[in-house]
PDB file of all heavy atoms in Angstrom:
ATOM      1  N   ALA A   1      28.864 -15.884 -22.730  1.00  0.00           N
ATOM      2  CA  ALA A   1      28.016 -16.116 -21.562  1.00  0.00           C
ATOM      3  C   ALA A   1      26.848 -15.151 -21.572  1.00  0.00           C
ATOM      4  O   ALA A   1      25.753 -15.476 -21.151  1.00  0.00           O
ATOM      5  CB  ALA A   1      28.810 -15.964 -20.290  1.00  0.00           C
ATOM      6  N   GLY A   2      27.015 -13.931 -22.102  1.00  0.00           N
ATOM      7  CA  GLY A   2      25.938 -12.940 -22.164  1.00  0.00           C
ATOM      8  C   GLY A   2      24.967 -13.224 -23.287  1.00  0.00           C
ATOM      9  O   GLY A   2      23.826 -12.800 -23.255  1.00  0.00           O
ATOM     10  N   GLY A   3      25.368 -13.947 -24.323  1.00  0.00           N
ATOM     11  CA  GLY A   3      24.500 -14.242 -25.468  1.00  0.00           C
ATOM     12  C   GLY A   3      23.250 -15.007 -25.077  1.00  0.00           C
ATOM     13  O   GLY A   3      22.141 -14.600 -25.375  1.00  0.00           O
ATOM     14  N   PRO A   4      23.388 -16.132 -24.398  1.00  0.00           N
ATOM     15  CA  PRO A   4      22.191 -16.883 -24.002  1.00  0.00           C
ATOM     16  C   PRO A   4      21.297 -16.092 -23.050  1.00  0.00           C
ATOM     17  O   PRO A   4      20.080 -16.200 -23.111  1.00  0.00           O
ATOM     18  CB  PRO A   4      22.745 -18.132 -23.329  1.00  0.00           C
ATOM     19  CG  PRO A   4      24.117 -18.299 -23.875  1.00  0.00           C
ATOM     20  CD  PRO A   4      24.596 -16.889 -24.166  1.00  0.00           C
ATOM     21  N   ALA A   5      21.875 -15.277 -22.192  1.00  0.00           N
ATOM     22  CA  ALA A   5      21.067 -14.483 -21.262  1.00  0.00           C
ATOM     23  C   ALA A   5      20.232 -13.453 -22.027  1.00  0.00           C
ATOM     24  O   ALA A   5      19.043 -13.269 -21.753  1.00  0.00           O
ATOM     25  CB  ALA A   5      21.962 -13.795 -20.249  1.00  0.00           C
ATOM     26  N   SER A   6      20.841 -12.786 -23.011  1.00  0.00           N
ATOM     27  CA  SER A   6      20.078 -11.796 -23.777  1.00  0.00           C
ATOM     28  C   SER A   6      19.031 -12.484 -24.648  1.00  0.00           C
ATOM     29  O   SER A   6      17.932 -11.962 -24.855  1.00  0.00           O
ATOM     30  CB  SER A   6      21.008 -10.913 -24.610  1.00  0.00           C
ATOM     31  OG  SER A   6      21.607 -11.664 -25.645  1.00  0.00           O
ATOM     32  N   GLU A   7      19.355 -13.676 -25.164  1.00  0.00           N
ATOM     33  CA  GLU A   7      18.359 -14.420 -25.942  1.00  0.00           C
ATOM     34  C   GLU A   7      17.187 -14.829 -25.057  1.00  0.00           C
ATOM     35  O   GLU A   7      16.032 -14.783 -25.477  1.00  0.00           O
ATOM     36  CB  GLU A   7      18.995 -15.659 -26.576  1.00  0.00           C
ATOM     37  CG  GLU A   7      19.918 -15.331 -27.720  1.00  0.00           C
ATOM     38  CD  GLU A   7      20.611 -16.565 -28.279  1.00  0.00           C
ATOM     39  OE1 GLU A   7      20.256 -17.695 -27.872  1.00  0.00           O
ATOM     40  OE2 GLU A   7      21.514 -16.385 -29.104  1.00  0.00           O
ATOM     41  N   LEU A   8      17.489 -15.211 -23.818  1.00  0.00           N
ATOM     42  CA  LEU A   8      16.440 -15.583 -22.877  1.00  0.00           C
ATOM     43  C   LEU A   8      15.557 -14.379 -22.568  1.00  0.00           C
ATOM     44  O   LEU A   8      14.325 -14.481 -22.529  1.00  0.00           O
ATOM     45  CB  LEU A   8      17.059 -16.162 -21.601  1.00  0.00           C
ATOM     46  CG  LEU A   8      16.063 -16.619 -20.529  1.00  0.00           C
ATOM     47  CD1 LEU A   8      15.191 -17.751 -21.079  1.00  0.00           C
ATOM     48  CD2 LEU A   8      16.804 -17.083 -19.280  1.00  0.00           C
ATOM     49  N   ILE A   9      16.177 -13.228 -22.367  1.00  0.00           N
ATOM     50  CA  ILE A   9      15.407 -12.002 -22.106  1.00  0.00           C
ATOM     51  C   ILE A   9      14.532 -11.647 -23.302  1.00  0.00           C
ATOM     52  O   ILE A   9      13.348 -11.324 -23.163  1.00  0.00           O
ATOM     53  CB  ILE A   9      16.352 -10.844 -21.729  1.00  0.00           C
ATOM     54  CG1 ILE A   9      16.977 -11.104 -20.359  1.00  0.00           C
ATOM     55  CG2 ILE A   9      15.614  -9.512 -21.727  1.00  0.00           C
ATOM     56  CD1 ILE A   9      18.080 -10.140 -19.981  1.00  0.00           C
ATOM     57  N   MET A  10      15.110 -11.739 -24.494  1.00  0.00           N
ATOM     58  CA  MET A  10      14.330 -11.442 -25.708  1.00  0.00           C
ATOM     59  C   MET A  10      13.175 -12.423 -25.857  1.00  0.00           C
ATOM     60  O   MET A  10      12.068 -12.045 -26.261  1.00  0.00           O
ATOM     61  CB  MET A  10      15.241 -11.482 -26.945  1.00  0.00           C
ATOM     62  CG  MET A  10      16.266 -10.369 -26.982  1.00  0.00           C
ATOM     63  SD  MET A  10      15.513  -8.744 -26.989  1.00  0.00           S
ATOM     64  CE  MET A  10      14.956  -8.671 -28.659  1.00  0.00           C
ATOM     65  N   PHE A  11      13.417 -13.687 -25.537  1.00  0.00           N
ATOM     66  CA  PHE A  11      12.353 -14.694 -25.626  1.00  0.00           C
ATOM     67  C   PHE A  11      11.229 -14.371 -24.636  1.00  0.00           C
ATOM     68  O   PHE A  11      10.049 -14.426 -24.970  1.00  0.00           O
ATOM     69  CB  PHE A  11      12.927 -16.087 -25.348  1.00  0.00           C
ATOM     70  CG  PHE A  11      11.883 -17.165 -25.328  1.00  0.00           C
ATOM     71  CD1 PHE A  11      11.295 -17.605 -26.506  1.00  0.00           C
ATOM     72  CD2 PHE A  11      11.459 -17.728 -24.124  1.00  0.00           C
ATOM     73  CE1 PHE A  11      10.319 -18.579 -26.502  1.00  0.00           C
ATOM     74  CE2 PHE A  11      10.486 -18.695 -24.106  1.00  0.00           C
ATOM     75  CZ  PHE A  11       9.907 -19.129 -25.295  1.00  0.00           C
ATOM     76  N   ILE A  12      11.586 -14.008 -23.425  1.00  0.00           N
ATOM     77  CA  ILE A  12      10.574 -13.663 -22.406  1.00  0.00           C
ATOM     78  C   ILE A  12       9.778 -12.441 -22.847  1.00  0.00           C
ATOM     79  O   ILE A  12       8.551 -12.404 -22.743  1.00  0.00           O
ATOM     80  CB  ILE A  12      11.253 -13.445 -21.029  1.00  0.00           C
ATOM     81  CG1 ILE A  12      11.798 -14.779 -20.509  1.00  0.00           C
ATOM     82  CG2 ILE A  12      10.285 -12.826 -20.043  1.00  0.00           C
ATOM     83  CD1 ILE A  12      12.659 -14.667 -19.269  1.00  0.00           C
ATOM     84  N   VAL A  13      10.455 -11.435 -23.386  1.00  0.00           N
ATOM     85  CA  VAL A  13       9.771 -10.237 -23.879  1.00  0.00           C
ATOM     86  C   VAL A  13       8.820 -10.602 -25.017  1.00  0.00           C
ATOM     87  O   VAL A  13       7.685 -10.139 -25.075  1.00  0.00           O
ATOM     88  CB  VAL A  13      10.798  -9.163 -24.317  1.00  0.00           C
ATOM     89  CG1 VAL A  13      10.127  -8.030 -25.072  1.00  0.00           C
ATOM     90  CG2 VAL A  13      11.546  -8.612 -23.103  1.00  0.00           C
ATOM     91  N   ALA A  14       9.281 -11.449 -25.933  1.00  0.00           N
ATOM     92  CA  ALA A  14       8.436 -11.874 -27.054  1.00  0.00           C
ATOM     93  C   ALA A  14       7.210 -12.619 -26.558  1.00  0.00           C
ATOM     94  O   ALA A  14       6.087 -12.423 -27.064  1.00  0.00           O
ATOM     95  CB  ALA A  14       9.243 -12.735 -28.025  1.00  0.00           C
ATOM     96  N   VAL A  15       7.389 -13.490 -25.553  1.00  0.00           N
ATOM     97  CA  VAL A  15       6.247 -14.227 -24.991  1.00  0.00           C
ATOM     98  C   VAL A  15       5.266 -13.262 -24.328  1.00  0.00           C
ATOM     99  O   VAL A  15       4.047 -13.398 -24.472  1.00  0.00           O
ATOM    100  CB  VAL A  15       6.728 -15.320 -24.008  1.00  0.00           C
ATOM    101  CG1 VAL A  15       5.574 -15.896 -23.208  1.00  0.00           C
ATOM    102  CG2 VAL A  15       7.464 -16.417 -24.760  1.00  0.00           C
ATOM    103  N   ILE A  16       5.748 -12.275 -23.610  1.00  0.00           N
ATOM    104  CA  ILE A  16       4.881 -11.287 -22.948  1.00  0.00           C
ATOM    105  C   ILE A  16       4.105 -10.491 -23.996  1.00  0.00           C
ATOM    106  O   ILE A  16       2.891 -10.282 -23.865  1.00  0.00           O
ATOM    107  CB  ILE A  16       5.702 -10.354 -22.025  1.00  0.00           C
ATOM    108  CG1 ILE A  16       6.212 -11.140 -20.816  1.00  0.00           C
ATOM    109  CG2 ILE A  16       4.878  -9.157 -21.586  1.00  0.00           C
ATOM    110  CD1 ILE A  16       7.199 -10.382 -19.938  1.00  0.00           C
ATOM    111  N   ILE A  17       4.797 -10.051 -25.040  1.00  0.00           N
ATOM    112  CA  ILE A  17       4.122  -9.286 -26.109  1.00  0.00           C
ATOM    113  C   ILE A  17       3.085 -10.158 -26.804  1.00  0.00           C
ATOM    114  O   ILE A  17       1.954  -9.725 -27.042  1.00  0.00           O
ATOM    115  CB  ILE A  17       5.156  -8.724 -27.103  1.00  0.00           C
ATOM    116  CG1 ILE A  17       5.978  -7.614 -26.433  1.00  0.00           C
ATOM    117  CG2 ILE A  17       4.454  -8.191 -28.355  1.00  0.00           C
ATOM    118  CD1 ILE A  17       7.143  -7.116 -27.268  1.00  0.00           C
ATOM    119  N   ALA A  18       3.431 -11.387 -27.110  1.00  0.00           N
ATOM    120  CA  ALA A  18       2.486 -12.294 -27.768  1.00  0.00           C
ATOM    121  C   ALA A  18       1.270 -12.544 -26.878  1.00  0.00           C
ATOM    122  O   ALA A  18       0.127 -12.585 -27.342  1.00  0.00           O
ATOM    123  CB  ALA A  18       3.168 -13.610 -28.121  1.00  0.00           C
ATOM    124  N   GLY A  19       1.504 -12.716 -25.573  1.00  0.00           N
ATOM    125  CA  GLY A  19       0.392 -12.901 -24.633  1.00  0.00           C
ATOM    126  C   GLY A  19      -0.508 -11.681 -24.588  1.00  0.00           C
ATOM    127  O   GLY A  19      -1.735 -11.794 -24.536  1.00  0.00           O
ATOM    128  N   SER A  20       0.098 -10.491 -24.606  1.00  0.00           N
ATOM    129  CA  SER A  20      -0.696  -9.250 -24.599  1.00  0.00           C
ATOM    130  C   SER A  20      -1.529  -9.123 -25.862  1.00  0.00           C
ATOM    131  O   SER A  20      -2.710  -8.769 -25.812  1.00  0.00           O
ATOM    132  CB  SER A  20       0.218  -8.036 -24.470  1.00  0.00           C
ATOM    133  OG  SER A  20       0.926  -8.081 -23.264  1.00  0.00           O
ATOM    134  N   VAL A  21      -0.927  -9.416 -27.002  1.00  0.00           N
ATOM    135  CA  VAL A  21      -1.655  -9.349 -28.273  1.00  0.00           C
ATOM    136  C   VAL A  21      -2.790 -10.369 -28.283  1.00  0.00           C
ATOM    137  O   VAL A  21      -3.926 -10.079 -28.679  1.00  0.00           O
ATOM    138  CB  VAL A  21      -0.694  -9.554 -29.468  1.00  0.00           C
ATOM    139  CG1 VAL A  21      -1.456  -9.757 -30.762  1.00  0.00           C
ATOM    140  CG2 VAL A  21       0.256  -8.372 -29.593  1.00  0.00           C
ATOM    141  N   ALA A  22      -2.511 -11.586 -27.820  1.00  0.00           N
ATOM    142  CA  ALA A  22      -3.544 -12.630 -27.784  1.00  0.00           C
ATOM    143  C   ALA A  22      -4.688 -12.212 -26.859  1.00  0.00           C
ATOM    144  O   ALA A  22      -5.858 -12.415 -27.172  1.00  0.00           O
ATOM    145  CB  ALA A  22      -2.928 -13.954 -27.327  1.00  0.00           C
ATOM    146  N   GLY A  23      -4.360 -11.619 -25.720  1.00  0.00           N
ATOM    147  CA  GLY A  23      -5.397 -11.151 -24.795  1.00  0.00           C
ATOM    148  C   GLY A  23      -6.258 -10.055 -25.412  1.00  0.00           C
ATOM    149  O   GLY A  23      -7.479 -10.061 -25.289  1.00  0.00           O
ATOM    150  N   ALA A  24      -5.602  -9.117 -26.095  1.00  0.00           N
ATOM    151  CA  ALA A  24      -6.343  -8.032 -26.754  1.00  0.00           C
ATOM    152  C   ALA A  24      -7.247  -8.587 -27.849  1.00  0.00           C
ATOM    153  O   ALA A  24      -8.406  -8.182 -27.985  1.00  0.00           O
ATOM    154  CB  ALA A  24      -5.371  -7.002 -27.324  1.00  0.00           C
ATOM    155  N   LEU A  25      -6.725  -9.534 -28.655  1.00  0.00           N
ATOM    156  CA  LEU A  25      -7.538 -10.143 -29.708  1.00  0.00           C
ATOM    157  C   LEU A  25      -8.724 -10.913 -29.116  1.00  0.00           C
ATOM    158  O   LEU A  25      -9.829 -10.873 -29.653  1.00  0.00           O
ATOM    159  CB  LEU A  25      -6.685 -11.053 -30.584  1.00  0.00           C
ATOM    160  CG  LEU A  25      -5.719 -10.348 -31.537  1.00  0.00           C
ATOM    161  CD1 LEU A  25      -4.847 -11.375 -32.253  1.00  0.00           C
ATOM    162  CD2 LEU A  25      -6.476  -9.501 -32.547  1.00  0.00           C
ATOM    163  N   ALA A  26      -8.504 -11.606 -28.013  1.00  0.00           N
ATOM    164  CA  ALA A  26      -9.592 -12.343 -27.360  1.00  0.00           C
ATOM    165  C   ALA A  26     -10.675 -11.372 -26.877  1.00  0.00           C
ATOM    166  O   ALA A  26     -11.866 -11.629 -27.041  1.00  0.00           O
ATOM    167  CB  ALA A  26      -9.044 -13.174 -26.204  1.00  0.00           C
ATOM    168  N   TYR A  27     -10.254 -10.253 -26.286  1.00  0.00           N
ATOM    169  CA  TYR A  27     -11.213  -9.251 -25.814  1.00  0.00           C
ATOM    170  C   TYR A  27     -12.019  -8.671 -26.976  1.00  0.00           C
ATOM    171  O   TYR A  27     -13.239  -8.571 -26.912  1.00  0.00           O
ATOM    172  CB  TYR A  27     -10.490  -8.129 -25.062  1.00  0.00           C
ATOM    173  CG  TYR A  27     -11.402  -7.000 -24.679  1.00  0.00           C
ATOM    174  CD1 TYR A  27     -12.248  -7.117 -23.594  1.00  0.00           C
ATOM    175  CD2 TYR A  27     -11.433  -5.817 -25.429  1.00  0.00           C
ATOM    176  CE1 TYR A  27     -13.115  -6.092 -23.248  1.00  0.00           C
ATOM    177  CE2 TYR A  27     -12.295  -4.796 -25.100  1.00  0.00           C
ATOM    178  CZ  TYR A  27     -13.132  -4.931 -24.009  1.00  0.00           C
ATOM    179  OH  TYR A  27     -13.981  -3.905 -23.686  1.00  0.00           O
ATOM    180  N   VAL A  28     -11.338  -8.302 -28.059  1.00  0.00           N
ATOM    181  CA  VAL A  28     -12.012  -7.724 -29.228  1.00  0.00           C
ATOM    182  C   VAL A  28     -12.967  -8.740 -29.844  1.00  0.00           C
ATOM    183  O   VAL A  28     -14.100  -8.408 -30.202  1.00  0.00           O
ATOM    184  CB  VAL A  28     -10.972  -7.224 -30.261  1.00  0.00           C
ATOM    185  CG1 VAL A  28     -11.629  -6.889 -31.585  1.00  0.00           C
ATOM    186  CG2 VAL A  28     -10.229  -6.017 -29.720  1.00  0.00           C
ATOM    187  N   THR A  29     -12.536  -9.991 -29.946  1.00  0.00           N
ATOM    188  CA  THR A  29     -13.388 -11.036 -30.518  1.00  0.00           C
ATOM    189  C   THR A  29     -14.629 -11.253 -29.662  1.00  0.00           C
ATOM    190  O   THR A  29     -15.736 -11.365 -30.178  1.00  0.00           O
ATOM    191  CB  THR A  29     -12.591 -12.351 -30.658  1.00  0.00           C
ATOM    192  OG1 THR A  29     -11.441 -12.106 -31.469  1.00  0.00           O
ATOM    193  CG2 THR A  29     -13.433 -13.438 -31.276  1.00  0.00           C
ATOM    194  N   THR A  30     -14.469 -11.304 -28.356  1.00  0.00           N
ATOM    195  CA  THR A  30     -15.608 -11.480 -27.451  1.00  0.00           C
ATOM    196  C   THR A  30     -16.552 -10.297 -27.553  1.00  0.00           C
ATOM    197  O   THR A  30     -17.781 -10.466 -27.616  1.00  0.00           O
ATOM    198  CB  THR A  30     -15.115 -11.642 -25.996  1.00  0.00           C
ATOM    199  OG1 THR A  30     -14.241 -12.762 -25.937  1.00  0.00           O
ATOM    200  CG2 THR A  30     -16.270 -11.849 -25.042  1.00  0.00           C
ATOM    201  N   ASP A  31     -16.012  -9.089 -27.580  1.00  0.00           N
ATOM    202  CA  ASP A  31     -16.833  -7.889 -27.696  1.00  0.00           C
ATOM    203  C   ASP A  31     -17.606  -7.888 -29.014  1.00  0.00           C
ATOM    204  O   ASP A  31     -18.797  -7.575 -29.050  1.00  0.00           O
ATOM    205  CB  ASP A  31     -15.952  -6.639 -27.599  1.00  0.00           C
ATOM    206  CG  ASP A  31     -16.765  -5.361 -27.498  1.00  0.00           C
ATOM    207  OD1 ASP A  31     -17.738  -5.347 -26.720  1.00  0.00           O
ATOM    208  OD2 ASP A  31     -16.423  -4.393 -28.203  1.00  0.00           O
ATOM    209  N   LEU A  32     -16.959  -8.255 -30.096  1.00  0.00           N
ATOM    210  CA  LEU A  32     -17.601  -8.329 -31.404  1.00  0.00           C
ATOM    211  C   LEU A  32     -18.711  -9.388 -31.414  1.00  0.00           C
ATOM    212  O   LEU A  32     -19.811  -9.150 -31.921  1.00  0.00           O
ATOM    213  CB  LEU A  32     -16.559  -8.634 -32.485  1.00  0.00           C
ATOM    214  CG  LEU A  32     -17.049  -8.687 -33.925  1.00  0.00           C
ATOM    215  CD1 LEU A  32     -17.626  -7.347 -34.334  1.00  0.00           C
ATOM    216  CD2 LEU A  32     -15.916  -9.079 -34.852  1.00  0.00           C
ATOM    217  N   ALA A  33     -18.446 -10.541 -30.826  1.00  0.00           N
ATOM    218  CA  ALA A  33     -19.452 -11.611 -30.776  1.00  0.00           C
ATOM    219  C   ALA A  33     -20.666 -11.182 -29.962  1.00  0.00           C
ATOM    220  O   ALA A  33     -21.812 -11.427 -30.360  1.00  0.00           O
ATOM    221  CB  ALA A  33     -18.840 -12.874 -30.180  1.00  0.00           C
ATOM    222  N   ASN A  34     -20.438 -10.504 -28.831  1.00  0.00           N
ATOM    223  CA  ASN A  34     -21.555 -10.017 -28.013  1.00  0.00           C
ATOM    224  C   ASN A  34     -22.367  -8.964 -28.753  1.00  0.00           C
ATOM    225  O   ASN A  34     -23.593  -8.945 -28.673  1.00  0.00           O
ATOM    226  CB  ASN A  34     -21.048  -9.470 -26.677  1.00  0.00           C
ATOM    227  CG  ASN A  34     -20.582 -10.566 -25.749  1.00  0.00           C
ATOM    228  OD1 ASN A  34     -20.992 -11.714 -25.873  1.00  0.00           O
ATOM    229  ND2 ASN A  34     -19.711 -10.218 -24.818  1.00  0.00           N
ATOM    230  N   SER A  35     -21.686  -8.082 -29.476  1.00  0.00           N
ATOM    231  CA  SER A  35     -22.389  -7.054 -30.253  1.00  0.00           C
ATOM    232  C   SER A  35     -23.245  -7.684 -31.347  1.00  0.00           C
ATOM    233  O   SER A  35     -24.378  -7.272 -31.581  1.00  0.00           O
ATOM    234  CB  SER A  35     -21.395  -6.079 -30.882  1.00  0.00           C
ATOM    235  OG  SER A  35     -20.706  -5.368 -29.896  1.00  0.00           O
ATOM    236  N   MET A  36     -22.710  -8.703 -32.013  1.00  0.00           N
ATOM    237  CA  MET A  36     -23.467  -9.386 -33.062  1.00  0.00           C
ATOM    238  C   MET A  36     -24.678 -10.102 -32.464  1.00  0.00           C
ATOM    239  O   MET A  36     -25.764 -10.101 -33.054  1.00  0.00           O
ATOM    240  CB  MET A  36     -22.571 -10.374 -33.805  1.00  0.00           C
ATOM    241  CG  MET A  36     -21.536  -9.676 -34.691  1.00  0.00           C
ATOM    242  SD  MET A  36     -20.339 -10.801 -35.427  1.00  0.00           S
ATOM    243  CE  MET A  36     -21.371 -11.876 -36.375  1.00  0.00           C
ATOM    244  N   LYS A  37     -24.523 -10.694 -31.301  1.00  0.00           N
ATOM    245  CA  LYS A  37     -25.638 -11.369 -30.634  1.00  0.00           C
ATOM    246  C   LYS A  37     -26.731 -10.366 -30.282  1.00  0.00           C
ATOM    247  O   LYS A  37     -27.916 -10.600 -30.537  1.00  0.00           O
ATOM    248  CB  LYS A  37     -25.136 -12.065 -29.372  1.00  0.00           C
ATOM    249  CG  LYS A  37     -26.217 -12.752 -28.583  1.00  0.00           C
ATOM    250  CD  LYS A  37     -25.649 -13.353 -27.301  1.00  0.00           C
ATOM    251  CE  LYS A  37     -26.778 -13.780 -26.404  1.00  0.00           C
ATOM    252  NZ  LYS A  37     -26.411 -13.813 -25.015  1.00  0.00           N
ATOM    253  N   ASP A  38     -26.347  -9.227 -29.695  1.00  0.00           N
ATOM    254  CA  ASP A  38     -27.326  -8.196 -29.338  1.00  0.00           C
ATOM    255  C   ASP A  38     -28.045  -7.672 -30.572  1.00  0.00           C
ATOM    256  O   ASP A  38     -29.266  -7.491 -30.566  1.00  0.00           O
ATOM    257  CB  ASP A  38     -26.643  -7.037 -28.598  1.00  0.00           C
ATOM    258  CG  ASP A  38     -26.121  -7.442 -27.238  1.00  0.00           C
ATOM    259  OD1 ASP A  38     -26.528  -8.510 -26.726  1.00  0.00           O
ATOM    260  OD2 ASP A  38     -25.289  -6.690 -26.687  1.00  0.00           O
ATOM    261  N   ARG A  39     -27.297  -7.433 -31.625  1.00  0.00           N
ATOM    262  CA  ARG A  39     -27.887  -6.931 -32.873  1.00  0.00           C
ATOM    263  C   ARG A  39     -28.857  -7.954 -33.466  1.00  0.00           C
ATOM    264  O   ARG A  39     -29.928  -7.599 -33.951  1.00  0.00           O
ATOM    265  CB  ARG A  39     -26.766  -6.613 -33.859  1.00  0.00           C
ATOM    266  CG  ARG A  39     -27.182  -6.101 -35.166  1.00  0.00           C
ATOM    267  CD  ARG A  39     -27.519  -4.642 -35.085  1.00  0.00           C
ATOM    268  NE  ARG A  39     -27.845  -4.183 -36.419  1.00  0.00           N
ATOM    269  CZ  ARG A  39     -27.844  -2.963 -36.777  1.00  0.00           C
ATOM    270  NH1 ARG A  39     -27.543  -2.038 -35.914  1.00  0.00           N
ATOM    271  NH2 ARG A  39     -28.158  -2.627 -37.987  1.00  0.00           N
ATOM    272  N   GLY A  40     -28.509  -9.230 -33.402  1.00  0.00           N
ATOM    273  CA  GLY A  40     -29.382 -10.294 -33.888  1.00  0.00           C
ATOM    274  C   GLY A  40     -30.674 -10.373 -33.099  1.00  0.00           C
ATOM    275  O   GLY A  40     -31.759 -10.548 -33.668  1.00  0.00           O
ATOM    276  N   GLU A  41     -30.572 -10.219 -31.767  1.00  0.00           N
ATOM    277  CA  GLU A  41     -31.774 -10.235 -30.927  1.00  0.00           C
ATOM    278  C   GLU A  41     -32.673  -9.044 -31.239  1.00  0.00           C
ATOM    279  O   GLU A  41     -33.897  -9.175 -31.281  1.00  0.00           O
ATOM    280  CB  GLU A  41     -31.384 -10.245 -29.451  1.00  0.00           C
ATOM    281  CG  GLU A  41     -30.802 -11.560 -28.989  1.00  0.00           C
ATOM    282  CD  GLU A  41     -30.259 -11.511 -27.575  1.00  0.00           C
ATOM    283  OE1 GLU A  41     -30.291 -10.436 -26.940  1.00  0.00           O
ATOM    284  OE2 GLU A  41     -29.782 -12.556 -27.101  1.00  0.00           O
ATOM    285  N   MET A  42     -32.081  -7.869 -31.473  1.00  0.00           N
ATOM    286  CA  MET A  42     -32.878  -6.687 -31.821  1.00  0.00           C
ATOM    287  C   MET A  42     -33.578  -6.885 -33.165  1.00  0.00           C
ATOM    288  O   MET A  42     -34.745  -6.528 -33.323  1.00  0.00           O
ATOM    289  CB  MET A  42     -31.996  -5.431 -31.861  1.00  0.00           C
ATOM    290  CG  MET A  42     -31.597  -4.937 -30.504  1.00  0.00           C
ATOM    291  SD  MET A  42     -30.468  -3.504 -30.456  1.00  0.00           S
ATOM    292  CE  MET A  42     -30.526  -2.781 -32.033  1.00  0.00           C
ATOM    293  N   LEU A  43     -32.872  -7.454 -34.128  1.00  0.00           N
ATOM    294  CA  LEU A  43     -33.459  -7.703 -35.435  1.00  0.00           C
ATOM    295  C   LEU A  43     -34.587  -8.721 -35.337  1.00  0.00           C
ATOM    296  O   LEU A  43     -35.650  -8.547 -35.933  1.00  0.00           O
ATOM    297  CB  LEU A  43     -32.392  -8.174 -36.414  1.00  0.00           C
ATOM    298  CG  LEU A  43     -32.857  -8.463 -37.840  1.00  0.00           C
ATOM    299  CD1 LEU A  43     -33.472  -7.216 -38.463  1.00  0.00           C
ATOM    300  CD2 LEU A  43     -31.703  -8.963 -38.681  1.00  0.00           C
ATOM    301  N   ALA A  44     -34.388  -9.782 -34.562  1.00  0.00           N
ATOM    302  CA  ALA A  44     -35.434 -10.799 -34.381  1.00  0.00           C
ATOM    303  C   ALA A  44     -36.660 -10.185 -33.727  1.00  0.00           C
ATOM    304  O   ALA A  44     -37.801 -10.459 -34.135  1.00  0.00           O
ATOM    305  CB  ALA A  44     -34.904 -11.958 -33.544  1.00  0.00           C
TER     306      ALA A  44
END
């Protein structure tokens, strides 16, 4: 009876970690894209 509960907890933790990583990657990607845009405008 405890096995499925611990698997559910592990699954929820994995989803939270994956969401955090995805959010961080989205932030870094957006920041990088904005920096490239600014640099391109300065070069132009």
